[in-house]
Amino acid sequence: MLVTLRWPILRNVALLAMLTLPELTNSSVIGTATHQDYQAVTGPAVPTETGRATPVPITRLNPRQCPSCRFATSGIKEKLRLVIRDRDAWRDVWKVINERVLRLPSLPEIDFSREMIVVVGLGQKPSGGYSILVDRAYEADDELQIDVVSRSPGQTCAVTAVLTESVDVVRLPRMEHSVIFHDTEIVHECK
C-alpha cells in the first residue's frame, strides 16, 4: 500500500504525531558531524509527474550512536514522521527516542546550517518483527519526497512477546522545501 502524506513545515519541525515534547524553538546552534560514523544511503532517480527527480543522499545514524534505533526500544509510541532543522528540537526528540535507555547516549552533533534530521517511527506494536526504514529521499517539483518502508510480521511468523517501538533516524542536506512522506507497508510472510 502506498500512502502519500502532505505536511507543511511548521516552524523548524514537521510533525505527524502528537509528542509530549517541550516547546520546539527556532534556534539553530551549529555543531559538527563526523561522516566516518555514518552509513550513506541513496537510491536511483524516481520518476514523477514532471519526470524530474533528483536523489538526495541520506545518512543513517549507526547503532553505536542510536542503540534505541537498533533494538526497536524507542520512546516513540505513536506513528511519527518528523523533520528537524534545529539543535534544540533535535535534543528534545533524542531524549524521547532514548527514554528507555538507562544512560542517555551522547547527542550526535549535526551542522543544522547544512543538514537536517528526519525521524520516522512506527508507533508501539504488540510484538517483535516490526521495523521501519527511511528507504530514500529525492527532490521533485520543489518538494522533498521521502520514501518510508514499514515491515510487519505475517500470521505464520514466530515473534517475541514484547512491546516494540521501531524508529529510524537519518540526516540529509538541509532543504527548506515542503516534505512529502510516501509510506509503503510490507507484511513479511514466514515459512
Foldseek 3Di string as FASTA:
>chain_A
DKDKDFFFCDQFKTKDDDDPFPDDDNDADFDDADPVQWDKAWDDFDQDPVRDKAWFIKIWGDCVQQVLQVPQAFLAAAWIWMKGQHDRVQVRRQCRGCVVPPDRGDRGGDGSVWKIKIKGKPHKDQWPAKEKDFRTWIADPQEIEIEMEIEHEDPPDDTGRDIGMHMIMIMTTDDNGTYMYMYDYYYDYDD
